[in-house]
Amino acid sequence: TISWTGATTYYATTYYADSVKGRFTVSRDNAKNTLY
């Protein structure tokens, strides 16, 4: 999961299941309304 950021992406926090930690990366582009 990745937290909401309001008007900026600088302060997003992320959390991972132990099974994927270190292998998966979650990110978001608010300008494109897209989650990755």
ModelCIF file with pLDDT and N, C-alpha, C, O atoms, coordinates in Angstrom:
data_MODEL
#
_entry.id   MODEL 
#
_entity.id                         1 
_entity.type                       polymer 
_entity.pdbx_number_of_molecules   1 
#
_entity_poly.entity_id                      1 
_entity_poly.type                           'polypeptide(L)' 
_entity_poly.nstd_linkage                   no 
_entity_poly.nstd_monomer                   no 
_entity_poly.pdbx_seq_one_letter_code       TISWTGATTYYATTYYADSVKGRFTVSRDNAKNTLY 
_entity_poly.pdbx_seq_one_letter_code_can   TISWTGATTYYATTYYADSVKGRFTVSRDNAKNTLY 
_entity_poly.pdbx_strand_id                 A 
#
loop_
_entity_poly_seq.entity_id 
_entity_poly_seq.num 
_entity_poly_seq.mon_id 
_entity_poly_seq.hetero 
1 1  THR n 
1 2  ILE n 
1 3  SER n 
1 4  TRP n 
1 5  THR n 
1 6  GLY n 
1 7  ALA n 
1 8  THR n 
1 9  THR n 
1 10 TYR n 
1 11 TYR n 
1 12 ALA n 
1 13 THR n 
1 14 THR n 
1 15 TYR n 
1 16 TYR n 
1 17 ALA n 
1 18 ASP n 
1 19 SER n 
1 20 VAL n 
1 21 LYS n 
1 22 GLY n 
1 23 ARG n 
1 24 PHE n 
1 25 THR n 
1 26 VAL n 
1 27 SER n 
1 28 ARG n 
1 29 ASP n 
1 30 ASN n 
1 31 ALA n 
1 32 LYS n 
1 33 ASN n 
1 34 THR n 
1 35 LEU n 
1 36 TYR n 
#
_struct_asym.id          A 
_struct_asym.entity_id   1 
#
loop_
_ma_qa_metric.id 
_ma_qa_metric.mode 
_ma_qa_metric.name 
_ma_qa_metric.software_group_id 
_ma_qa_metric.type 
1 global pLDDT . pLDDT 
2 local  pLDDT . pLDDT 
#
_ma_qa_metric_global.metric_id      1 
_ma_qa_metric_global.metric_value   87.14 
_ma_qa_metric_global.model_id       1 
_ma_qa_metric_global.ordinal_id     1 
#
loop_
_ma_qa_metric_local.label_asym_id 
_ma_qa_metric_local.label_comp_id 
_ma_qa_metric_local.label_seq_id 
_ma_qa_metric_local.metric_id 
_ma_qa_metric_local.metric_value 
_ma_qa_metric_local.model_id 
_ma_qa_metric_local.ordinal_id 
A THR 1  2 96.00 1 1  
A ILE 2  2 94.00 1 2  
A SER 3  2 91.00 1 3  
A TRP 4  2 85.00 1 4  
A THR 5  2 74.00 1 5  
A GLY 6  2 65.00 1 6  
A ALA 7  2 54.00 1 7  
A THR 8  2 55.00 1 8  
A THR 9  2 53.00 1 9  
A TYR 10 2 56.00 1 10 
A TYR 11 2 67.00 1 11 
A ALA 12 2 80.00 1 12 
A THR 13 2 87.00 1 13 
A THR 14 2 92.00 1 14 
A TYR 15 2 93.00 1 15 
A TYR 16 2 96.00 1 16 
A ALA 17 2 96.00 1 17 
A ASP 18 2 97.00 1 18 
A SER 19 2 97.00 1 19 
A VAL 20 2 98.00 1 20 
A LYS 21 2 97.00 1 21 
A GLY 22 2 97.00 1 22 
A ARG 23 2 98.00 1 23 
A PHE 24 2 98.00 1 24 
A THR 25 2 97.00 1 25 
A VAL 26 2 96.00 1 26 
A SER 27 2 94.00 1 27 
A ARG 28 2 92.00 1 28 
A ASP 29 2 91.00 1 29 
A ASN 30 2 88.00 1 30 
A ALA 31 2 88.00 1 31 
A LYS 32 2 93.00 1 32 
A ASN 33 2 94.00 1 33 
A THR 34 2 95.00 1 34 
A LEU 35 2 96.00 1 35 
A TYR 36 2 97.00 1 36 
#
loop_
_atom_site.group_PDB 
_atom_site.id 
_atom_site.type_symbol 
_atom_site.label_atom_id 
_atom_site.label_alt_id 
_atom_site.label_comp_id 
_atom_site.label_asym_id 
_atom_site.label_entity_id 
_atom_site.label_seq_id 
_atom_site.pdbx_PDB_ins_code 
_atom_site.Cartn_x 
_atom_site.Cartn_y 
_atom_site.Cartn_z 
_atom_site.occupancy 
_atom_site.B_iso_or_equiv 
_atom_site.pdbx_formal_charge 
_atom_site.auth_seq_id 
_atom_site.auth_comp_id 
_atom_site.auth_asym_id 
_atom_site.auth_atom_id 
_atom_site.pdbx_PDB_model_num 
ATOM 1   N N  . THR A 1 1  ? 0.831  -1.189  0.000   1.00 96.00 ? 1  THR A N  1 
ATOM 2   C CA . THR A 1 1  ? 0.000  0.000   0.000   1.00 96.00 ? 1  THR A CA 1 
ATOM 3   C C  . THR A 1 1  ? 0.873  1.250   0.000   1.00 96.00 ? 1  THR A C  1 
ATOM 4   O O  . THR A 1 1  ? 2.011  1.229   0.470   1.00 96.00 ? 1  THR A O  1 
ATOM 5   N N  . ILE A 1 2  ? 0.328  2.325   -0.530  1.00 94.00 ? 2  ILE A N  1 
ATOM 6   C CA . ILE A 1 2  ? 1.009  3.613   -0.537  1.00 94.00 ? 2  ILE A CA 1 
ATOM 7   C C  . ILE A 1 2  ? 0.003  4.656   -0.069  1.00 94.00 ? 2  ILE A C  1 
ATOM 8   O O  . ILE A 1 2  ? -1.139 4.680   -0.528  1.00 94.00 ? 2  ILE A O  1 
ATOM 9   N N  . SER A 1 3  ? 0.430  5.504   0.835   1.00 91.00 ? 3  SER A N  1 
ATOM 10  C CA . SER A 1 3  ? -0.481 6.459   1.450   1.00 91.00 ? 3  SER A CA 1 
ATOM 11  C C  . SER A 1 3  ? -0.933 7.528   0.473   1.00 91.00 ? 3  SER A C  1 
ATOM 12  O O  . SER A 1 3  ? -0.356 7.682   -0.604  1.00 91.00 ? 3  SER A O  1 
ATOM 13  N N  . TRP A 1 4  ? -1.975 8.270   0.855   1.00 85.00 ? 4  TRP A N  1 
ATOM 14  C CA . TRP A 1 4  ? -2.343 9.412   0.037   1.00 85.00 ? 4  TRP A CA 1 
ATOM 15  C C  . TRP A 1 4  ? -1.307 10.516  0.231   1.00 85.00 ? 4  TRP A C  1 
ATOM 16  O O  . TRP A 1 4  ? -0.550 10.517  1.202   1.00 85.00 ? 4  TRP A O  1 
ATOM 17  N N  . THR A 1 5  ? -1.293 11.446  -0.706  1.00 74.00 ? 5  THR A N  1 
ATOM 18  C CA . THR A 1 5  ? -0.250 12.457  -0.686  1.00 74.00 ? 5  THR A CA 1 
ATOM 19  C C  . THR A 1 5  ? -0.790 13.878  -0.784  1.00 74.00 ? 5  THR A C  1 
ATOM 20  O O  . THR A 1 5  ? -0.007 14.824  -0.690  1.00 74.00 ? 5  THR A O  1 
ATOM 21  N N  . GLY A 1 6  ? -2.064 14.065  -0.964  1.00 65.00 ? 6  GLY A N  1 
ATOM 22  C CA . GLY A 1 6  ? -2.583 15.398  -1.164  1.00 65.00 ? 6  GLY A CA 1 
ATOM 23  C C  . GLY A 1 6  ? -2.054 15.959  -2.458  1.00 65.00 ? 6  GLY A C  1 
ATOM 24  O O  . GLY A 1 6  ? -2.216 15.338  -3.508  1.00 65.00 ? 6  GLY A O  1 
ATOM 25  N N  . ALA A 1 7  ? -1.426 17.115  -2.415  1.00 54.00 ? 7  ALA A N  1 
ATOM 26  C CA . ALA A 1 7  ? -0.987 17.786  -3.628  1.00 54.00 ? 7  ALA A CA 1 
ATOM 27  C C  . ALA A 1 7  ? 0.443  17.441  -4.013  1.00 54.00 ? 7  ALA A C  1 
ATOM 28  O O  . ALA A 1 7  ? 0.954  17.961  -5.004  1.00 54.00 ? 7  ALA A O  1 
ATOM 29  N N  . THR A 1 8  ? 1.101  16.572  -3.245  1.00 55.00 ? 8  THR A N  1 
ATOM 30  C CA . THR A 1 8  ? 2.505  16.310  -3.515  1.00 55.00 ? 8  THR A CA 1 
ATOM 31  C C  . THR A 1 8  ? 2.811  14.833  -3.365  1.00 55.00 ? 8  THR A C  1 
ATOM 32  O O  . THR A 1 8  ? 2.103  14.126  -2.649  1.00 55.00 ? 8  THR A O  1 
ATOM 33  N N  . THR A 1 9  ? 3.843  14.360  -4.023  1.00 53.00 ? 9  THR A N  1 
ATOM 34  C CA . THR A 1 9  ? 4.236  12.952  -3.863  1.00 53.00 ? 9  THR A CA 1 
ATOM 35  C C  . THR A 1 9  ? 5.397  12.800  -2.904  1.00 53.00 ? 9  THR A C  1 
ATOM 36  O O  . THR A 1 9  ? 5.875  11.685  -2.690  1.00 53.00 ? 9  THR A O  1 
ATOM 37  N N  . TYR A 1 10 ? 5.868  13.903  -2.315  1.00 56.00 ? 10 TYR A N  1 
ATOM 38  C CA . TYR A 1 10 ? 7.090  13.819  -1.544  1.00 56.00 ? 10 TYR A CA 1 
ATOM 39  C C  . TYR A 1 10 ? 6.940  13.060  -0.241  1.00 56.00 ? 10 TYR A C  1 
ATOM 40  O O  . TYR A 1 10 ? 7.935  12.575  0.298   1.00 56.00 ? 10 TYR A O  1 
ATOM 41  N N  . TYR A 1 11 ? 5.725  12.941  0.285   1.00 67.00 ? 11 TYR A N  1 
ATOM 42  C CA . TYR A 1 11 ? 5.571  12.382  1.612   1.00 67.00 ? 11 TYR A CA 1 
ATOM 43  C C  . TYR A 1 11 ? 4.797  11.078  1.639   1.00 67.00 ? 11 TYR A C  1 
ATOM 44  O O  . TYR A 1 11 ? 4.271  10.695  2.685   1.00 67.00 ? 11 TYR A O  1 
ATOM 45  N N  . ALA A 1 12 ? 4.718  10.385  0.503   1.00 80.00 ? 12 ALA A N  1 
ATOM 46  C CA . ALA A 1 12 ? 4.021  9.105   0.489   1.00 80.00 ? 12 ALA A CA 1 
ATOM 47  C C  . ALA A 1 12 ? 4.807  8.077   1.283   1.00 80.00 ? 12 ALA A C  1 
ATOM 48  O O  . ALA A 1 12 ? 6.032  8.004   1.187   1.00 80.00 ? 12 ALA A O  1 
ATOM 49  N N  . THR A 1 13 ? 4.099  7.297   2.058   1.00 87.00 ? 13 THR A N  1 
ATOM 50  C CA . THR A 1 13 ? 4.717  6.186   2.782   1.00 87.00 ? 13 THR A CA 1 
ATOM 51  C C  . THR A 1 13 ? 4.213  4.876   2.209   1.00 87.00 ? 13 THR A C  1 
ATOM 52  O O  . THR A 1 13 ? 3.094  4.800   1.701   1.00 87.00 ? 13 THR A O  1 
ATOM 53  N N  . THR A 1 14 ? 5.034  3.854   2.291   1.00 92.00 ? 14 THR A N  1 
ATOM 54  C CA . THR A 1 14 ? 4.694  2.568   1.700   1.00 92.00 ? 14 THR A CA 1 
ATOM 55  C C  . THR A 1 14 ? 4.806  1.451   2.720   1.00 92.00 ? 14 THR A C  1 
ATOM 56  O O  . THR A 1 14 ? 5.577  1.533   3.676   1.00 92.00 ? 14 THR A O  1 
ATOM 57  N N  . TYR A 1 15 ? 4.025  0.407   2.499   1.00 93.00 ? 15 TYR A N  1 
ATOM 58  C CA . TYR A 1 15 ? 4.016  -0.764  3.368   1.00 93.00 ? 15 TYR A CA 1 
ATOM 59  C C  . TYR A 1 15 ? 3.908  -1.999  2.485   1.00 93.00 ? 15 TYR A C  1 
ATOM 60  O O  . TYR A 1 15 ? 3.237  -1.985  1.452   1.00 93.00 ? 15 TYR A O  1 
ATOM 61  N N  . TYR A 1 16 ? 4.581  -3.070  2.908   1.00 96.00 ? 16 TYR A N  1 
ATOM 62  C CA . TYR A 1 16 ? 4.625  -4.289  2.107   1.00 96.00 ? 16 TYR A CA 1 
ATOM 63  C C  . TYR A 1 16 ? 4.362  -5.522  2.954   1.00 96.00 ? 16 TYR A C  1 
ATOM 64  O O  . TYR A 1 16 ? 4.675  -5.563  4.144   1.00 96.00 ? 16 TYR A O  1 
ATOM 65  N N  . ALA A 1 17 ? 3.783  -6.516  2.315   1.00 96.00 ? 17 ALA A N  1 
ATOM 66  C CA . ALA A 1 17 ? 3.714  -7.829  2.946   1.00 96.00 ? 17 ALA A CA 1 
ATOM 67  C C  . ALA A 1 17 ? 5.123  -8.395  3.032   1.00 96.00 ? 17 ALA A C  1 
ATOM 68  O O  . ALA A 1 17 ? 5.960  -8.127  2.170   1.00 96.00 ? 17 ALA A O  1 
ATOM 69  N N  . ASP A 1 18 ? 5.380  -9.169  4.060   1.00 97.00 ? 18 ASP A N  1 
ATOM 70  C CA . ASP A 1 18 ? 6.716  -9.744  4.236   1.00 97.00 ? 18 ASP A CA 1 
ATOM 71  C C  . ASP A 1 18 ? 7.136  -10.590 3.038   1.00 97.00 ? 18 ASP A C  1 
ATOM 72  O O  . ASP A 1 18 ? 8.318  -10.652 2.703   1.00 97.00 ? 18 ASP A O  1 
ATOM 73  N N  . SER A 1 19 ? 6.179  -11.232 2.402   1.00 97.00 ? 19 SER A N  1 
ATOM 74  C CA . SER A 1 19 ? 6.489  -12.144 1.300   1.00 97.00 ? 19 SER A CA 1 
ATOM 75  C C  . SER A 1 19 ? 7.019  -11.421 0.062   1.00 97.00 ? 19 SER A C  1 
ATOM 76  O O  . SER A 1 19 ? 7.628  -12.051 -0.803  1.00 97.00 ? 19 SER A O  1 
ATOM 77  N N  . VAL A 1 20 ? 6.798  -10.108 -0.035  1.00 98.00 ? 20 VAL A N  1 
ATOM 78  C CA . VAL A 1 20 ? 7.235  -9.370  -1.230  1.00 98.00 ? 20 VAL A CA 1 
ATOM 79  C C  . VAL A 1 20 ? 8.254  -8.291  -0.906  1.00 98.00 ? 20 VAL A C  1 
ATOM 80  O O  . VAL A 1 20 ? 8.801  -7.659  -1.810  1.00 98.00 ? 20 VAL A O  1 
ATOM 81  N N  . LYS A 1 21 ? 8.508  -8.080  0.364   1.00 97.00 ? 21 LYS A N  1 
ATOM 82  C CA . LYS A 1 21 ? 9.420  -7.011  0.775   1.00 97.00 ? 21 LYS A CA 1 
ATOM 83  C C  . LYS A 1 21 ? 10.791 -7.222  0.155   1.00 97.00 ? 21 LYS A C  1 
ATOM 84  O O  . LYS A 1 21 ? 11.339 -8.324  0.200   1.00 97.00 ? 21 LYS A O  1 
ATOM 85  N N  . GLY A 1 22 ? 11.339 -6.167  -0.422  1.00 97.00 ? 22 GLY A N  1 
ATOM 86  C CA . GLY A 1 22 ? 12.638 -6.245  -1.067  1.00 97.00 ? 22 GLY A CA 1 
ATOM 87  C C  . GLY A 1 22 ? 12.575 -6.662  -2.527  1.00 97.00 ? 22 GLY A C  1 
ATOM 88  O O  . GLY A 1 22 ? 13.569 -6.541  -3.243  1.00 97.00 ? 22 GLY A O  1 
ATOM 89  N N  . ARG A 1 23 ? 11.428 -7.149  -2.982  1.00 98.00 ? 23 ARG A N  1 
ATOM 90  C CA . ARG A 1 23 ? 11.268 -7.572  -4.384  1.00 98.00 ? 23 ARG A CA 1 
ATOM 91  C C  . ARG A 1 23 ? 10.282 -6.687  -5.132  1.00 98.00 ? 23 ARG A C  1 
ATOM 92  O O  . ARG A 1 23 ? 10.457 -6.429  -6.323  1.00 98.00 ? 23 ARG A O  1 
ATOM 93  N N  . PHE A 1 24 ? 9.248  -6.222  -4.442  1.00 98.00 ? 24 PHE A N  1 
ATOM 94  C CA . PHE A 1 24 ? 8.208  -5.411  -5.076  1.00 98.00 ? 24 PHE A CA 1 
ATOM 95  C C  . PHE A 1 24 ? 8.338  -3.959  -4.602  1.00 98.00 ? 24 PHE A C  1 
ATOM 96  O O  . PHE A 1 24 ? 8.757  -3.688  -3.477  1.00 98.00 ? 24 PHE A O  1 
ATOM 97  N N  . THR A 1 25 ? 7.966  -3.039  -5.495  1.00 97.00 ? 25 THR A N  1 
ATOM 98  C CA . THR A 1 25 ? 7.970  -1.617  -5.158  1.00 97.00 ? 25 THR A CA 1 
ATOM 99  C C  . THR A 1 25 ? 6.673  -0.991  -5.646  1.00 97.00 ? 25 THR A C  1 
ATOM 100 O O  . THR A 1 25 ? 6.329  -1.089  -6.824  1.00 97.00 ? 25 THR A O  1 
ATOM 101 N N  . VAL A 1 26 ? 5.960  -0.350  -4.732  1.00 96.00 ? 26 VAL A N  1 
ATOM 102 C CA . VAL A 1 26 ? 4.728  0.350   -5.081  1.00 96.00 ? 26 VAL A CA 1 
ATOM 103 C C  . VAL A 1 26 ? 5.040  1.832   -5.226  1.00 96.00 ? 26 VAL A C  1 
ATOM 104 O O  . VAL A 1 26 ? 5.818  2.392   -4.454  1.00 96.00 ? 26 VAL A O  1 
ATOM 105 N N  . SER A 1 27 ? 4.423  2.462   -6.225  1.00 94.00 ? 27 SER A N  1 
ATOM 106 C CA . SER A 1 27 ? 4.622  3.897   -6.438  1.00 94.00 ? 27 SER A CA 1 
ATOM 107 C C  . SER A 1 27 ? 3.360  4.467   -7.082  1.00 94.00 ? 27 SER A C  1 
ATOM 108 O O  . SER A 1 27 ? 2.492  3.729   -7.548  1.00 94.00 ? 27 SER A O  1 
ATOM 109 N N  . ARG A 1 28 ? 3.279  5.787   -7.097  1.00 92.00 ? 28 ARG A N  1 
ATOM 110 C CA . ARG A 1 28 ? 2.115  6.438   -7.676  1.00 92.00 ? 28 ARG A CA 1 
ATOM 111 C C  . ARG A 1 28 ? 2.555  7.696   -8.421  1.00 92.00 ? 28 ARG A C  1 
ATOM 112 O O  . ARG A 1 28 ? 3.532  8.345   -8.047  1.00 92.00 ? 28 ARG A O  1 
ATOM 113 N N  . ASP A 1 29 ? 1.823  8.025   -9.472  1.00 91.00 ? 29 ASP A N  1 
ATOM 114 C CA . ASP A 1 29 ? 2.027  9.257   -10.225 1.00 91.00 ? 29 ASP A CA 1 
ATOM 115 C C  . ASP A 1 29 ? 0.698  9.996   -10.208 1.00 91.00 ? 29 ASP A C  1 
ATOM 116 O O  . ASP A 1 29 ? -0.207 9.683   -10.982 1.00 91.00 ? 29 ASP A O  1 
ATOM 117 N N  . ASN A 1 30 ? 0.587  10.965  -9.332  1.00 88.00 ? 30 ASN A N  1 
ATOM 118 C CA . ASN A 1 30 ? -0.689 11.674  -9.185  1.00 88.00 ? 30 ASN A CA 1 
ATOM 119 C C  . ASN A 1 30 ? -1.048 12.465  -10.435 1.00 88.00 ? 30 ASN A C  1 
ATOM 120 O O  . ASN A 1 30 ? -2.229 12.643  -10.733 1.00 88.00 ? 30 ASN A O  1 
ATOM 121 N N  . ALA A 1 31 ? -0.049 12.941  -11.171 1.00 88.00 ? 31 ALA A N  1 
ATOM 122 C CA . ALA A 1 31 ? -0.332 13.700  -12.392 1.00 88.00 ? 31 ALA A CA 1 
ATOM 123 C C  . ALA A 1 31 ? -0.987 12.822  -13.452 1.00 88.00 ? 31 ALA A C  1 
ATOM 124 O O  . ALA A 1 31 ? -1.738 13.308  -14.297 1.00 88.00 ? 31 ALA A O  1 
ATOM 125 N N  . LYS A 1 32 ? -0.693 11.523  -13.397 1.00 93.00 ? 32 LYS A N  1 
ATOM 126 C CA . LYS A 1 32 ? -1.258 10.590  -14.371 1.00 93.00 ? 32 LYS A CA 1 
ATOM 127 C C  . LYS A 1 32 ? -2.378 9.737   -13.783 1.00 93.00 ? 32 LYS A C  1 
ATOM 128 O O  . LYS A 1 32 ? -2.919 8.862   -14.459 1.00 93.00 ? 32 LYS A O  1 
ATOM 129 N N  . ASN A 1 33 ? -2.725 9.995   -12.515 1.00 94.00 ? 33 ASN A N  1 
ATOM 130 C CA . ASN A 1 33 ? -3.768 9.187   -11.849 1.00 94.00 ? 33 ASN A CA 1 
ATOM 131 C C  . ASN A 1 33 ? -3.468 7.699   -11.966 1.00 94.00 ? 33 ASN A C  1 
ATOM 132 O O  . ASN A 1 33 ? -4.361 6.902   -12.252 1.00 94.00 ? 33 ASN A O  1 
ATOM 133 N N  . THR A 1 34 ? -2.218 7.329   -11.747 1.00 95.00 ? 34 THR A N  1 
ATOM 134 C CA . THR A 1 34 ? -1.808 5.947   -11.964 1.00 95.00 ? 34 THR A CA 1 
ATOM 135 C C  . THR A 1 34 ? -1.000 5.413   -10.789 1.00 95.00 ? 34 THR A C  1 
ATOM 136 O O  . THR A 1 34 ? -0.146 6.097   -10.223 1.00 95.00 ? 34 THR A O  1 
ATOM 137 N N  . LEU A 1 35 ? -1.298 4.187   -10.452 1.00 96.00 ? 35 LEU A N  1 
ATOM 138 C CA . LEU A 1 35 ? -0.594 3.437   -9.417  1.00 96.00 ? 35 LEU A CA 1 
ATOM 139 C C  . LEU A 1 35 ? 0.228  2.360   -10.107 1.00 96.00 ? 35 LEU A C  1 
ATOM 140 O O  . LEU A 1 35 ? -0.199 1.800   -11.117 1.00 96.00 ? 35 LEU A O  1 
ATOM 141 N N  . TYR A 1 36 ? 1.404  2.068   -9.568  1.00 97.00 ? 36 TYR A N  1 
ATOM 142 C CA . TYR A 1 36 ? 2.276  1.058   -10.157 1.00 97.00 ? 36 TYR A CA 1 
ATOM 143 C C  . TYR A 1 36 ? 2.697  0.021   -9.119  1.00 97.00 ? 36 TYR A C  1 
ATOM 144 O O  . TYR A 1 36 ? 3.436  -0.910  -9.441  1.00 97.00 ? 36 TYR A O  1 
#
